[in-house]
C-alpha atoms as a PDB file:
ATOM      1  CA  UNK A   1       5.580  -1.691  16.001  1.00  0.00           C
ATOM      2  CA  UNK A   2       5.850  -2.013  12.252  1.00  0.00           C
ATOM      3  CA  UNK A   3       9.150  -3.011  10.715  1.00  0.00           C
ATOM      4  CA  UNK A   4      11.072   0.059   9.601  1.00  0.00           C
ATOM      5  CA  UNK A   5      11.444  -1.198   6.048  1.00  0.00           C
ATOM      6  CA  UNK A   6       7.672  -1.702   5.684  1.00  0.00           C
ATOM      7  CA  UNK A   7       6.945   1.668   7.257  1.00  0.00           C
ATOM      8  CA  UNK A   8       9.410   3.489   5.008  1.00  0.00           C
ATOM      9  CA  UNK A   9       7.957   1.748   1.968  1.00  0.00           C
ATOM     10  CA  UNK A  10       4.441   2.899   2.900  1.00  0.00           C
ATOM     11  CA  UNK A  11       5.649   6.460   3.531  1.00  0.00           C
ATOM     12  CA  UNK A  12       7.449   6.508   0.193  1.00  0.00           C
ATOM     13  CA  UNK A  13       4.235   5.418  -1.557  1.00  0.00           C
ATOM     14  CA  UNK A  14       2.390   8.254   0.188  1.00  0.00           C
ATOM     15  CA  UNK A  15       4.933  10.899  -0.791  1.00  0.00           C
ATOM     16  CA  UNK A  16       5.307   9.720  -4.388  1.00  0.00           C
ATOM     17  CA  UNK A  17       1.814   8.498  -5.327  1.00  0.00           C
ATOM     18  CA  UNK A  18      -0.393  10.750  -3.209  1.00  0.00           C
ATOM     19  CA  UNK A  19       1.683  13.929  -2.675  1.00  0.00           C
ATOM     20  CA  UNK A  20       3.674  13.788  -5.922  1.00  0.00           C
ATOM     21  CA  UNK A  21       6.877  14.933  -4.180  1.00  0.00           C
ATOM     22  CA  UNK A  22       9.684  15.476  -6.713  1.00  0.00           C
ATOM     23  CA  UNK A  23      13.431  16.042  -6.550  1.00  0.00           C
ATOM     24  CA  UNK A  24      13.197  19.754  -7.382  1.00  0.00           C
ATOM     25  CA  UNK A  25      10.922  20.633  -4.431  1.00  0.00           C
ATOM     26  CA  UNK A  26      11.442  21.830  -0.864  1.00  0.00           C
ATOM     27  CA  UNK A  27       9.722  19.505   1.598  1.00  0.00           C
ATOM     28  CA  UNK A  28       8.590  20.239   5.171  1.00  0.00           C
ATOM     29  CA  UNK A  29       7.596  17.793   7.879  1.00  0.00           C
ATOM     30  CA  UNK A  30       5.669  19.482  10.692  1.00  0.00           C
ATOM     31  CA  UNK A  31       5.069  17.350  13.757  1.00  0.00           C
ATOM     32  CA  UNK A  32       4.914  17.457  17.571  1.00  0.00           C
ATOM     33  CA  UNK A  33       6.142  15.486  20.582  1.00  0.00           C
ATOM     34  CA  UNK A  34       3.411  12.857  20.277  1.00  0.00           C
ATOM     35  CA  UNK A  35       3.964  11.923  16.633  1.00  0.00           C
ATOM     36  CA  UNK A  36       7.649  12.759  16.281  1.00  0.00           C
ATOM     37  CA  UNK A  37       8.630   9.130  15.605  1.00  0.00           C
ATOM     38  CA  UNK A  38       6.352   9.053  12.568  1.00  0.00           C
ATOM     39  CA  UNK A  39       7.433  12.564  11.579  1.00  0.00           C
ATOM     40  CA  UNK A  40      11.065  11.503  11.522  1.00  0.00           C
ATOM     41  CA  UNK A  41      10.297   8.635   9.130  1.00  0.00           C
ATOM     42  CA  UNK A  42       8.596  11.067   6.744  1.00  0.00           C
ATOM     43  CA  UNK A  43      11.669  13.308   7.023  1.00  0.00           C
ATOM     44  CA  UNK A  44      14.143  10.504   6.303  1.00  0.00           C
ATOM     45  CA  UNK A  45      12.188   9.299   3.270  1.00  0.00           C
ATOM     46  CA  UNK A  46      11.512  12.854   2.121  1.00  0.00           C
ATOM     47  CA  UNK A  47      15.222  13.672   2.161  1.00  0.00           C
ATOM     48  CA  UNK A  48      15.779  11.055  -0.512  1.00  0.00           C
ATOM     49  CA  UNK A  49      12.942  12.287  -2.735  1.00  0.00           C
ATOM     50  CA  UNK A  50      13.218  16.079  -2.506  1.00  0.00           C
ATOM     51  CA  UNK A  51      15.685  18.856  -3.286  1.00  0.00           C
ATOM     52  CA  UNK A  52      15.684  19.958   0.357  1.00  0.00           C
ATOM     53  CA  UNK A  53      13.929  18.606   3.444  1.00  0.00           C
ATOM     54  CA  UNK A  54      13.090  20.415   6.684  1.00  0.00           C
ATOM     55  CA  UNK A  55      11.951  18.883   9.975  1.00  0.00           C
ATOM     56  CA  UNK A  56      10.030  21.077  12.450  1.00  0.00           C
ATOM     57  CA  UNK A  57       8.683  19.859  15.800  1.00  0.00           C
ATOM     58  CA  UNK A  58       6.350  22.081  17.798  1.00  0.00           C
ATOM     59  CA  UNK A  59       4.462  21.736  21.052  1.00  0.00           C
ATOM     60  CA  UNK A  60       1.254  19.743  20.523  1.00  0.00           C
ATOM     61  CA  UNK A  61      -1.905  21.812  20.202  1.00  0.00           C
ATOM     62  CA  UNK A  62      -4.680  21.476  22.788  1.00  0.00           C
ATOM     63  CA  UNK A  63      -7.525  21.007  20.298  1.00  0.00           C
ATOM     64  CA  UNK A  64      -8.255  20.447  16.616  1.00  0.00           C
ATOM     65  CA  UNK A  65      -8.144  23.679  14.641  1.00  0.00           C
ATOM     66  CA  UNK A  66      -5.848  25.539  17.060  1.00  0.00           C
ATOM     67  CA  UNK A  67      -3.243  27.644  15.263  1.00  0.00           C
ATOM     68  CA  UNK A  68       0.448  26.692  15.239  1.00  0.00           C
ATOM     69  CA  UNK A  69       3.058  29.283  16.352  1.00  0.00           C
ATOM     70  CA  UNK A  70       3.557  32.242  14.014  1.00  0.00           C
ATOM     71  CA  UNK A  71       7.069  31.055  13.166  1.00  0.00           C
ATOM     72  CA  UNK A  72       5.715  27.691  12.026  1.00  0.00           C
ATOM     73  CA  UNK A  73       2.966  29.346   9.989  1.00  0.00           C
ATOM     74  CA  UNK A  74       5.606  31.428   8.184  1.00  0.00           C
ATOM     75  CA  UNK A  75       7.684  28.334   7.479  1.00  0.00           C
ATOM     76  CA  UNK A  76       4.689  26.515   5.996  1.00  0.00           C
ATOM     77  CA  UNK A  77       4.269  29.266   3.392  1.00  0.00           C
ATOM     78  CA  UNK A  78       7.855  28.976   2.147  1.00  0.00           C
ATOM     79  CA  UNK A  79       8.052  25.364   0.957  1.00  0.00           C
ATOM     80  CA  UNK A  80       6.553  23.385  -1.929  1.00  0.00           C
ATOM     81  CA  UNK A  81       5.152  20.391  -0.050  1.00  0.00           C
ATOM     82  CA  UNK A  82       4.236  20.047   3.633  1.00  0.00           C
ATOM     83  CA  UNK A  83       3.002  17.016   5.578  1.00  0.00           C
ATOM     84  CA  UNK A  84       1.653  17.374   9.110  1.00  0.00           C
ATOM     85  CA  UNK A  85       1.610  14.245  11.283  1.00  0.00           C
ATOM     86  CA  UNK A  86       0.378  15.990  14.430  1.00  0.00           C
ATOM     87  CA  UNK A  87      -1.620  15.099  17.527  1.00  0.00           C
ATOM     88  CA  UNK A  88      -4.333  17.664  16.729  1.00  0.00           C
ATOM     89  CA  UNK A  89      -5.573  18.678  13.299  1.00  0.00           C
ATOM     90  CA  UNK A  90      -4.148  21.690  11.469  1.00  0.00           C
ATOM     91  CA  UNK A  91      -6.583  21.303   8.568  1.00  0.00           C
ATOM     92  CA  UNK A  92      -8.963  24.035   9.707  1.00  0.00           C
ATOM     93  CA  UNK A  93      -6.381  26.686  10.604  1.00  0.00           C
ATOM     94  CA  UNK A  94      -5.470  30.019   9.045  1.00  0.00           C
ATOM     95  CA  UNK A  95      -1.876  28.786   8.818  1.00  0.00           C
ATOM     96  CA  UNK A  96      -2.899  25.928   6.548  1.00  0.00           C
ATOM     97  CA  UNK A  97      -5.246  28.082   4.480  1.00  0.00           C
ATOM     98  CA  UNK A  98      -2.633  30.802   3.957  1.00  0.00           C
ATOM     99  CA  UNK A  99       0.062  28.306   2.951  1.00  0.00           C
ATOM    100  CA  UNK A 100      -2.339  26.663   0.489  1.00  0.00           C
ATOM    101  CA  UNK A 101      -3.117  30.084  -1.013  1.00  0.00           C
ATOM    102  CA  UNK A 102       0.616  30.459  -1.689  1.00  0.00           C
ATOM    103  CA  UNK A 103       0.573  27.236  -3.709  1.00  0.00           C
ATOM    104  CA  UNK A 104       1.897  24.824  -1.078  1.00  0.00           C
ATOM    105  CA  UNK A 105       0.584  21.245  -1.265  1.00  0.00           C
ATOM    106  CA  UNK A 106      -0.340  20.142   2.242  1.00  0.00           C
ATOM    107  CA  UNK A 107      -1.254  16.740   3.638  1.00  0.00           C
ATOM    108  CA  UNK A 108      -2.591  16.845   7.200  1.00  0.00           C
ATOM    109  CA  UNK A 109      -2.464  13.664   9.293  1.00  0.00           C
ATOM    110  CA  UNK A 110      -3.945  14.341  12.739  1.00  0.00           C
ATOM    111  CA  UNK A 111      -3.468  11.405  15.097  1.00  0.00           C
ATOM    112  CA  UNK A 112      -2.118   9.112  12.399  1.00  0.00           C
ATOM    113  CA  UNK A 113      -0.927   5.681  13.523  1.00  0.00           C
ATOM    114  CA  UNK A 114       1.517   3.145  12.139  1.00  0.00           C
ATOM    115  CA  UNK A 115      -1.406   0.837  11.364  1.00  0.00           C
ATOM    116  CA  UNK A 116      -3.193   3.512   9.349  1.00  0.00           C
ATOM    117  CA  UNK A 117      -0.026   4.258   7.384  1.00  0.00           C
ATOM    118  CA  UNK A 118       0.533   0.638   6.398  1.00  0.00           C
ATOM    119  CA  UNK A 119      -3.157  -0.107   5.772  1.00  0.00           C
ATOM    120  CA  UNK A 120      -4.291   2.986   3.867  1.00  0.00           C
ATOM    121  CA  UNK A 121      -1.229   4.078   1.927  1.00  0.00           C
ATOM    122  CA  UNK A 122      -1.312   0.737   0.173  1.00  0.00           C
ATOM    123  CA  UNK A 123      -4.708   1.575  -1.328  1.00  0.00           C
ATOM    124  CA  UNK A 124      -5.133   1.987  -5.067  1.00  0.00           C
ATOM    125  CA  UNK A 125      -5.460   5.776  -5.596  1.00  0.00           C
ATOM    126  CA  UNK A 126      -7.498   5.240  -8.764  1.00  0.00           C
ATOM    127  CA  UNK A 127     -10.142   3.201  -6.916  1.00  0.00           C
ATOM    128  CA  UNK A 128     -10.502   5.848  -4.208  1.00  0.00           C
ATOM    129  CA  UNK A 129     -10.783   8.539  -6.888  1.00  0.00           C
ATOM    130  CA  UNK A 130     -13.486   6.503  -8.671  1.00  0.00           C
ATOM    131  CA  UNK A 131     -15.604   6.057  -5.526  1.00  0.00           C
ATOM    132  CA  UNK A 132     -15.097   9.679  -4.482  1.00  0.00           C
ATOM    133  CA  UNK A 133     -16.039  11.035  -7.906  1.00  0.00           C
ATOM    134  CA  UNK A 134     -19.201   8.912  -7.951  1.00  0.00           C
ATOM    135  CA  UNK A 135     -20.414  10.405  -4.663  1.00  0.00           C
ATOM    136  CA  UNK A 136     -19.283  13.916  -5.613  1.00  0.00           C
ATOM    137  CA  UNK A 137     -21.086  13.905  -8.956  1.00  0.00           C
ATOM    138  CA  UNK A 138     -24.297  12.735  -7.287  1.00  0.00           C
ATOM    139  CA  UNK A 139     -24.161  15.066  -4.298  1.00  0.00           C
ATOM    140  CA  UNK A 140     -23.555  18.275  -6.232  1.00  0.00           C
ATOM    141  CA  UNK A 141     -27.134  18.221  -7.537  1.00  0.00           C
ATOM    142  CA  UNK A 142     -28.706  17.883  -4.076  1.00  0.00           C
ATOM    143  CA  UNK A 143     -30.621  20.443  -2.006  1.00  0.00           C
ATOM    144  CA  UNK A 144     -31.253  18.426   1.179  1.00  0.00           C
ATOM    145  CA  UNK A 145     -29.522  15.499   2.871  1.00  0.00           C
ATOM    146  CA  UNK A 146     -31.321  13.342   5.394  1.00  0.00           C
ATOM    147  CA  UNK A 147     -29.654  10.652   7.492  1.00  0.00           C
ATOM    148  CA  UNK A 148     -31.487   7.965   9.458  1.00  0.00           C
ATOM    149  CA  UNK A 149     -30.289   4.874  11.330  1.00  0.00           C
ATOM    150  CA  UNK A 150     -31.838   2.000  13.227  1.00  0.00           C
ATOM    151  CA  UNK A 151     -30.037   3.381  16.293  1.00  0.00           C
ATOM    152  CA  UNK A 152     -32.257   6.483  16.235  1.00  0.00           C
ATOM    153  CA  UNK A 153     -30.616   9.060  13.975  1.00  0.00           C
ATOM    154  CA  UNK A 154     -33.025  11.252  12.003  1.00  0.00           C
ATOM    155  CA  UNK A 155     -31.263  14.372  10.813  1.00  0.00           C
ATOM    156  CA  UNK A 156     -31.761  16.751   7.898  1.00  0.00           C
ATOM    157  CA  UNK A 157     -29.365  19.352   6.436  1.00  0.00           C
ATOM    158  CA  UNK A 158     -29.756  22.020   3.750  1.00  0.00           C
ATOM    159  CA  UNK A 159     -26.791  21.956   1.334  1.00  0.00           C
ATOM    160  CA  UNK A 160     -28.383  23.645  -1.711  1.00  0.00           C
ATOM    161  CA  UNK A 161     -25.738  25.530  -3.727  1.00  0.00           C
ATOM    162  CA  UNK A 162     -23.030  24.843  -1.134  1.00  0.00           C
ATOM    163  CA  UNK A 163     -19.614  23.778  -2.432  1.00  0.00           C
ATOM    164  CA  UNK A 164     -19.243  19.971  -2.500  1.00  0.00           C
ATOM    165  CA  UNK A 165     -15.654  18.901  -1.844  1.00  0.00           C
ATOM    166  CA  UNK A 166     -14.178  15.590  -3.067  1.00  0.00           C
ATOM    167  CA  UNK A 167     -11.152  14.555  -1.010  1.00  0.00           C
ATOM    168  CA  UNK A 168      -9.142  11.675  -2.421  1.00  0.00           C
ATOM    169  CA  UNK A 169      -5.825  12.204  -0.646  1.00  0.00           C
ATOM    170  CA  UNK A 170      -4.223  12.626  -4.074  1.00  0.00           C
ATOM    171  CA  UNK A 171      -2.621  16.069  -3.685  1.00  0.00           C
ATOM    172  CA  UNK A 172      -0.389  16.590  -6.695  1.00  0.00           C
ATOM    173  CA  UNK A 173      -1.553  20.000  -7.936  1.00  0.00           C
ATOM    174  CA  UNK A 174      -0.375  23.442  -6.791  1.00  0.00           C
ATOM    175  CA  UNK A 175      -2.172  24.560  -3.640  1.00  0.00           C
ATOM    176  CA  UNK A 176      -4.068  21.316  -3.051  1.00  0.00           C
ATOM    177  CA  UNK A 177      -4.605  20.291   0.544  1.00  0.00           C
ATOM    178  CA  UNK A 178      -6.428  17.619   2.480  1.00  0.00           C
ATOM    179  CA  UNK A 179      -6.053  14.688   4.797  1.00  0.00           C
ATOM    180  CA  UNK A 180      -3.483  12.030   4.094  1.00  0.00           C
ATOM    181  CA  UNK A 181      -4.785   9.372   3.784  1.00  0.00           C
ATOM    182  CA  UNK A 182      -8.228  10.464   2.643  1.00  0.00           C
ATOM    183  CA  UNK A 183     -11.312   9.253   0.818  1.00  0.00           C
ATOM    184  CA  UNK A 184     -14.447  11.281   1.512  1.00  0.00           C
ATOM    185  CA  UNK A 185     -16.869  13.769   0.018  1.00  0.00           C
ATOM    186  CA  UNK A 186     -17.950  16.562   2.323  1.00  0.00           C
ATOM    187  CA  UNK A 187     -19.881  19.806   2.478  1.00  0.00           C
ATOM    188  CA  UNK A 188     -20.637  22.639   4.899  1.00  0.00           C
ATOM    189  CA  UNK A 189     -24.425  22.641   5.394  1.00  0.00           C
ATOM    190  CA  UNK A 190     -26.084  26.043   5.530  1.00  0.00           C
ATOM    191  CA  UNK A 191     -25.746  27.671   8.930  1.00  0.00           C
ATOM    192  CA  UNK A 192     -28.790  27.511  11.209  1.00  0.00           C
ATOM    193  CA  UNK A 193     -30.669  25.148   8.863  1.00  0.00           C
ATOM    194  CA  UNK A 194     -29.845  21.688  10.242  1.00  0.00           C
ATOM    195  CA  UNK A 195     -32.327  19.941  12.512  1.00  0.00           C
ATOM    196  CA  UNK A 196     -32.981  16.602  14.161  1.00  0.00           C
ATOM    197  CA  UNK A 197     -31.265  13.909  16.171  1.00  0.00           C
ATOM    198  CA  UNK A 198     -27.885  12.271  15.544  1.00  0.00           C
ATOM    199  CA  UNK A 199     -26.863   9.077  17.331  1.00  0.00           C
ATOM    200  CA  UNK A 200     -23.097   8.813  17.022  1.00  0.00           C
ATOM    201  CA  UNK A 201     -22.171   5.143  17.432  1.00  0.00           C
ATOM    202  CA  UNK A 202     -18.759   4.859  15.781  1.00  0.00           C
ATOM    203  CA  UNK A 203     -16.165   7.243  17.128  1.00  0.00           C
ATOM    204  CA  UNK A 204     -15.670  10.900  17.931  1.00  0.00           C
ATOM    205  CA  UNK A 205     -12.681  13.187  17.505  1.00  0.00           C
ATOM    206  CA  UNK A 206     -10.955  13.751  20.824  1.00  0.00           C
ATOM    207  CA  UNK A 207     -12.635  10.704  22.355  1.00  0.00           C
ATOM    208  CA  UNK A 208     -11.994   7.649  20.156  1.00  0.00           C
ATOM    209  CA  UNK A 209     -14.192   4.600  19.607  1.00  0.00           C
ATOM    210  CA  UNK A 210     -17.451   5.052  21.478  1.00  0.00           C
ATOM    211  CA  UNK A 211     -18.323   2.461  24.101  1.00  0.00           C
ATOM    212  CA  UNK A 212     -21.816   3.925  24.374  1.00  0.00           C
ATOM    213  CA  UNK A 213     -23.635   5.949  21.690  1.00  0.00           C
ATOM    214  CA  UNK A 214     -23.809   9.723  22.034  1.00  0.00           C
ATOM    215  CA  UNK A 215     -27.215  11.226  21.218  1.00  0.00           C
ATOM    216  CA  UNK A 216     -27.099  14.828  20.016  1.00  0.00           C
ATOM    217  CA  UNK A 217     -30.195  16.945  19.488  1.00  0.00           C
ATOM    218  CA  UNK A 218     -29.809  19.840  17.048  1.00  0.00           C
ATOM    219  CA  UNK A 219     -32.142  22.771  16.415  1.00  0.00           C
ATOM    220  CA  UNK A 220     -31.527  25.475  13.829  1.00  0.00           C
ATOM    221  CA  UNK A 221     -27.938  24.372  13.349  1.00  0.00           C
ATOM    222  CA  UNK A 222     -26.836  24.282  16.996  1.00  0.00           C
ATOM    223  CA  UNK A 223     -26.557  21.501  19.559  1.00  0.00           C
ATOM    224  CA  UNK A 224     -29.337  21.771  22.135  1.00  0.00           C
ATOM    225  CA  UNK A 225     -28.707  18.628  24.165  1.00  0.00           C
ATOM    226  CA  UNK A 226     -26.162  15.824  24.484  1.00  0.00           C
ATOM    227  CA  UNK A 227     -27.079  12.485  26.092  1.00  0.00           C
ATOM    228  CA  UNK A 228     -25.111   9.293  26.727  1.00  0.00           C
ATOM    229  CA  UNK A 229     -22.515   7.995  29.126  1.00  0.00           C
ATOM    230  CA  UNK A 230     -19.193   9.397  30.309  1.00  0.00           C
ATOM    231  CA  UNK A 231     -18.136  10.007  26.708  1.00  0.00           C
ATOM    232  CA  UNK A 232     -21.114  12.311  26.184  1.00  0.00           C
ATOM    233  CA  UNK A 233     -20.031  14.273  29.244  1.00  0.00           C
ATOM    234  CA  UNK A 234     -16.499  14.485  27.845  1.00  0.00           C
ATOM    235  CA  UNK A 235     -17.800  15.764  24.504  1.00  0.00           C
ATOM    236  CA  UNK A 236     -19.799  18.465  26.273  1.00  0.00           C
ATOM    237  CA  UNK A 237     -16.697  19.525  28.211  1.00  0.00           C
ATOM    238  CA  UNK A 238     -14.623  19.751  25.019  1.00  0.00           C
ATOM    239  CA  UNK A 239     -17.259  21.850  23.277  1.00  0.00           C
ATOM    240  CA  UNK A 240     -17.694  24.164  26.264  1.00  0.00           C
ATOM    241  CA  UNK A 241     -14.000  25.087  26.170  1.00  0.00           C
ATOM    242  CA  UNK A 242     -14.239  26.574  22.674  1.00  0.00           C
ATOM    243  CA  UNK A 243     -17.433  28.595  23.029  1.00  0.00           C
ATOM    244  CA  UNK A 244     -20.897  28.684  21.469  1.00  0.00           C
ATOM    245  CA  UNK A 245     -19.944  28.250  17.809  1.00  0.00           C
ATOM    246  CA  UNK A 246     -18.132  24.997  18.564  1.00  0.00           C
ATOM    247  CA  UNK A 247     -21.699  23.605  18.908  1.00  0.00           C
ATOM    248  CA  UNK A 248     -22.672  24.621  15.371  1.00  0.00           C
ATOM    249  CA  UNK A 249     -23.126  22.003  12.639  1.00  0.00           C
ATOM    250  CA  UNK A 250     -20.083  22.437  10.398  1.00  0.00           C
ATOM    251  CA  UNK A 251     -19.831  19.497   8.043  1.00  0.00           C
ATOM    252  CA  UNK A 252     -21.512  16.474   6.534  1.00  0.00           C
ATOM    253  CA  UNK A 253     -19.311  13.837   4.918  1.00  0.00           C
ATOM    254  CA  UNK A 254     -19.441  10.373   3.340  1.00  0.00           C
ATOM    255  CA  UNK A 255     -16.474   7.988   3.552  1.00  0.00           C
ATOM    256  CA  UNK A 256     -15.063   6.585   0.278  1.00  0.00           C
ATOM    257  CA  UNK A 257     -11.855   4.779   1.283  1.00  0.00           C
ATOM    258  CA  UNK A 258     -12.243   1.020   0.840  1.00  0.00           C
ATOM    259  CA  UNK A 259      -9.080   0.322   2.874  1.00  0.00           C
ATOM    260  CA  UNK A 260     -10.004   2.403   5.931  1.00  0.00           C
ATOM    261  CA  UNK A 261     -11.230   0.679   9.102  1.00  0.00           C
ATOM    262  CA  UNK A 262     -12.811   1.931  12.306  1.00  0.00           C
ATOM    263  CA  UNK A 263      -9.863   2.307  14.683  1.00  0.00           C
ATOM    264  CA  UNK A 264     -10.629   5.208  17.019  1.00  0.00           C
ATOM    265  CA  UNK A 265      -8.633   7.817  15.106  1.00  0.00           C
ATOM    266  CA  UNK A 266     -11.005  10.154  13.281  1.00  0.00           C
ATOM    267  CA  UNK A 267      -8.450  10.730  10.517  1.00  0.00           C
ATOM    268  CA  UNK A 268      -9.100   7.182   9.305  1.00  0.00           C
ATOM    269  CA  UNK A 269     -12.550   6.591  10.800  1.00  0.00           C
ATOM    270  CA  UNK A 270     -14.286   9.343   8.823  1.00  0.00           C
ATOM    271  CA  UNK A 271     -12.976   7.828   5.572  1.00  0.00           C
ATOM    272  CA  UNK A 272     -14.489   4.358   6.184  1.00  0.00           C
ATOM    273  CA  UNK A 273     -16.667   3.240   3.285  1.00  0.00           C
ATOM    274  CA  UNK A 274     -20.271   2.783   4.411  1.00  0.00           C
ATOM    275  CA  UNK A 275     -20.212   5.478   7.101  1.00  0.00           C
ATOM    276  CA  UNK A 276     -21.092   9.159   7.337  1.00  0.00           C
ATOM    277  CA  UNK A 277     -19.701  11.801   9.652  1.00  0.00           C
ATOM    278  CA  UNK A 278     -21.049  15.063  10.972  1.00  0.00           C
ATOM    279  CA  UNK A 279     -18.790  17.711  12.474  1.00  0.00           C
ATOM    280  CA  UNK A 280     -19.304  20.720  14.725  1.00  0.00           C
ATOM    281  CA  UNK A 281     -17.283  23.939  14.799  1.00  0.00           C
ATOM    282  CA  UNK A 282     -15.044  25.589  12.229  1.00  0.00           C
ATOM    283  CA  UNK A 283     -15.948  25.202   8.556  1.00  0.00           C
ATOM    284  CA  UNK A 284     -14.263  28.196   6.942  1.00  0.00           C
ATOM    285  CA  UNK A 285     -11.997  25.919   4.893  1.00  0.00           C
ATOM    286  CA  UNK A 286     -14.979  24.278   3.224  1.00  0.00           C
ATOM    287  CA  UNK A 287     -16.912  27.418   2.354  1.00  0.00           C
ATOM    288  CA  UNK A 288     -18.868  27.866   5.572  1.00  0.00           C
ATOM    289  CA  UNK A 289     -19.059  30.880   7.862  1.00  0.00           C
ATOM    290  CA  UNK A 290     -18.240  29.416  11.283  1.00  0.00           C
ATOM    291  CA  UNK A 291     -14.874  30.614  12.608  1.00  0.00           C
ATOM    292  CA  UNK A 292     -13.927  29.040  15.920  1.00  0.00           C
ATOM    293  CA  UNK A 293     -10.819  27.259  17.216  1.00  0.00           C
ATOM    294  CA  UNK A 294     -12.454  23.825  17.201  1.00  0.00           C
ATOM    295  CA  UNK A 295     -13.603  21.225  14.654  1.00  0.00           C
ATOM    296  CA  UNK A 296     -14.889  17.889  15.951  1.00  0.00           C
ATOM    297  CA  UNK A 297     -16.159  15.030  13.765  1.00  0.00           C
ATOM    298  CA  UNK A 298     -18.423  12.235  14.911  1.00  0.00           C
ATOM    299  CA  UNK A 299     -19.008   8.961  13.045  1.00  0.00           C
ATOM    300  CA  UNK A 300     -22.328   7.233  12.330  1.00  0.00           C
ATOM    301  CA  UNK A 301     -22.298   3.563  11.297  1.00  0.00           C
ATOM    302  CA  UNK A 302     -24.645   1.837   8.827  1.00  0.00           C
ATOM    303  CA  UNK A 303     -26.591   4.965   7.863  1.00  0.00           C
ATOM    304  CA  UNK A 304     -29.450   5.304   5.433  1.00  0.00           C
ATOM    305  CA  UNK A 305     -28.847   8.468   3.413  1.00  0.00           C
ATOM    306  CA  UNK A 306     -31.361  10.411   1.348  1.00  0.00           C
ATOM    307  CA  UNK A 307     -30.300  12.896  -1.321  1.00  0.00           C
ATOM    308  CA  UNK A 308     -33.494  14.941  -1.494  1.00  0.00           C
ATOM    309  CA  UNK A 309     -36.142  12.161  -1.678  1.00  0.00           C
ATOM    310  CA  UNK A 310     -33.866   9.463  -3.108  1.00  0.00           C
ATOM    311  CA  UNK A 311     -32.185   6.777  -0.984  1.00  0.00           C
ATOM    312  CA  UNK A 312     -28.533   6.623  -2.087  1.00  0.00           C
ATOM    313  CA  UNK A 313     -27.256   4.549   0.833  1.00  0.00           C
ATOM    314  CA  UNK A 314     -29.205   1.878   2.707  1.00  0.00           C
ATOM    315  CA  UNK A 315     -27.794   0.642   6.033  1.00  0.00           C
ATOM    316  CA  UNK A 316     -24.280   1.558   4.943  1.00  0.00           C
ATOM    317  CA  UNK A 317     -24.462   0.216   1.379  1.00  0.00           C
ATOM    318  CA  UNK A 318     -24.625   2.397  -1.729  1.00  0.00           C
ATOM    319  CA  UNK A 319     -27.777   1.901  -3.798  1.00  0.00           C
ATOM    320  CA  UNK A 320     -27.982   2.058  -7.587  1.00  0.00           C
ATOM    321  CA  UNK A 321     -29.391   5.582  -7.228  1.00  0.00           C
ATOM    322  CA  UNK A 322     -25.950   6.794  -6.122  1.00  0.00           C
ATOM    323  CA  UNK A 323     -24.659   6.109  -9.616  1.00  0.00           C
ATOM    324  CA  UNK A 324     -27.391   8.080 -11.393  1.00  0.00           C
END
């Protein structure tokens, strides 16, 4: 357990440097029974920085992307800044989207841990912005992304003219939202146009660090087959609960946070520099067309990434072509 003083210092950095919380704003902490201890620290620090602070604790959701209660959704729309340390992610929910459309700045923190708070909130925001902008500026000119690994991944996605989203975790402007902490560039590939094999060997949302790789075969944008050990079986069970579209390729992302480490929590894992992640399920928030109550990210370590025919990452290291 981190010392309270260190934890409060890290939370204060997050609220001031990343969220830009000021003393004329109304601040909401939305949490659940699993992360209430962390939620209460955000509330205590937020009380000192804001005009008014509100603490709301709800019952934990069953899966990422599941909507909060209507009363909570209404509350989210009537504040200036909202942070969400919750067990499951609220990022890809209508409640979050509607609050953002009203101008609320929202930082979602699904599954956040004390270690992630102390490690990642101490990062230099300018350095994360620099790395994120580099990837963003390069990716926005790309039609196809291909990912290969020595572990067996060979996967291609069509992203031509899709919106490329830089996520730095710096959420100081009206209506901005994203993960806190963050550091990634992501996109919703075109529906039904992703094909190949992905070998997830890092971690997976809802599962944690993978003891054995999960091999996923995709055809025309949908999972056709999942192979691996008990964790592959668990992934299949999670996907089956949410229906067919939970098996659809939703997102491709590249991590840009130099402080993030692989820890088993996808919130931090997908931000790790030198990794890529691919998600299945809901992608409405990022300009896609898949609306389903599930969004699951899986991490691939040491990838080689092609932007069209150019290698921009080789075995997890950016090449000089990324900077072009």
